Protein backbone atom coordinates (compact mmCIF):
# COMPACT_ATOMS: atom_id res chain seq x y z
CA PHE A 1 -6.96 11.15 21.99
CA LYS A 2 -6.30 7.67 24.34
CA ARG A 3 -9.41 5.81 23.34
CA ILE A 4 -9.25 6.37 19.99
CA LEU A 5 -6.17 6.26 19.09
CA ARG A 6 -4.71 4.05 21.13
CA LEU A 7 -2.33 6.04 22.48
CA THR A 8 -0.94 9.02 25.24
CA PRO A 9 -0.43 12.16 23.02
CA GLU A 10 3.20 11.41 24.23
CA SER A 11 3.45 7.80 23.12
CA PHE A 12 1.75 9.46 19.80
CA GLU A 13 4.73 11.85 19.22
CA PHE A 14 7.15 9.84 19.50
CA VAL A 15 6.47 7.35 16.95
CA ARG A 16 5.44 10.03 14.40
CA LYS A 17 8.81 11.45 15.05
CA MET A 18 9.80 8.32 14.72
CA ILE A 19 9.16 7.28 11.17
CA GLU A 20 8.52 11.25 9.33
CA MET A 21 11.64 10.63 8.01
CA HIS A 22 11.59 7.43 6.59
CA PRO A 23 11.68 8.05 2.67
CA VAL A 24 8.16 6.43 2.25
CA PHE A 25 6.77 9.09 3.49
CA GLU A 26 8.67 11.34 0.49
CA HIS A 27 5.96 13.09 -2.28
CA LYS A 28 6.94 11.32 -5.06
CA GLY A 29 3.85 11.96 -7.74
CA LYS A 30 1.92 15.28 -8.65
CA ARG A 31 -0.38 14.06 -5.83
CA ARG A 32 0.70 15.60 -2.03
CA GLN A 33 0.55 13.05 1.18
CA LEU A 34 -1.30 14.00 3.93
CA LYS A 35 1.29 14.90 6.82
CA VAL A 36 2.55 12.60 8.92
CA GLU A 37 0.57 13.03 11.82
CA VAL A 38 -2.69 12.92 10.26
CA GLN A 39 -1.05 9.32 7.80
CA LEU A 40 -0.30 7.52 11.50
CA LYS A 41 -4.01 8.83 13.25
CA ILE A 42 -4.95 6.92 10.51
CA ALA A 43 -3.29 4.11 10.27
CA LEU A 44 -4.17 3.76 14.45
CA MET A 45 -7.59 3.78 13.79
CA CYS A 46 -7.17 1.36 11.43
CA LEU A 47 -5.00 -1.45 13.48
CA GLY A 48 -6.19 -0.78 16.87
CA TYR A 49 -10.04 -1.05 16.09
CA ASP A 50 -12.46 -4.05 15.95
CA GLY A 51 -15.97 -4.34 14.33
CA SER A 52 -17.21 -1.83 12.11
CA LEU A 53 -14.46 -0.30 13.06
CA THR A 54 -12.34 -1.64 11.99
CA SER A 55 -14.02 -0.56 7.85
CA PHE A 56 -12.16 1.08 5.68
CA ASP A 57 -15.26 2.53 4.94
CA ALA A 58 -15.87 3.44 8.49
CA ILE A 59 -13.29 5.15 8.85
CA ALA A 60 -12.82 6.77 5.86
CA GLY A 61 -16.41 9.12 6.10
CA MET A 62 -15.15 9.67 9.58
CA MET A 63 -11.91 10.58 8.57
CA GLY A 64 -12.59 12.62 4.72
CA VAL A 65 -10.24 10.13 2.78
CA SER A 66 -10.93 7.34 0.80
CA GLU A 67 -11.10 3.61 1.20
CA GLY A 68 -8.08 3.20 -0.46
CA SER A 69 -6.81 6.10 0.77
CA ILE A 70 -6.25 4.57 4.30
CA LYS A 71 -5.28 1.15 3.12
CA GLU A 72 -2.20 3.15 1.57
CA TYR A 73 -1.38 5.55 4.69
CA THR A 74 -1.87 3.03 7.09
CA ASP A 75 0.84 0.68 5.12
CA ARG A 76 2.76 3.00 5.16
CA VAL A 77 3.01 3.48 8.86
CA VAL A 78 3.91 -0.29 9.14
CA THR A 79 6.35 0.47 6.40
CA ALA A 80 7.69 3.46 8.94
CA LEU A 81 7.65 0.84 11.51
């Protein structure tokens, strides 16, 4: 957990609870958002790695989401923080 997300599980939960009620995570439009915890995990992966793993393509493939979603989730988390 810590190796991939760069946080202990306790710290992850602290951050999740801190941001989960932010308006940026409110459902707007036809498509539902992924859970805040999933968006946070993806954002932490994007922000926490260097080299080839920072590419949206690599993370998107690993997490089963589109490259555009990776950027969107990361932007939401950064806004909420």
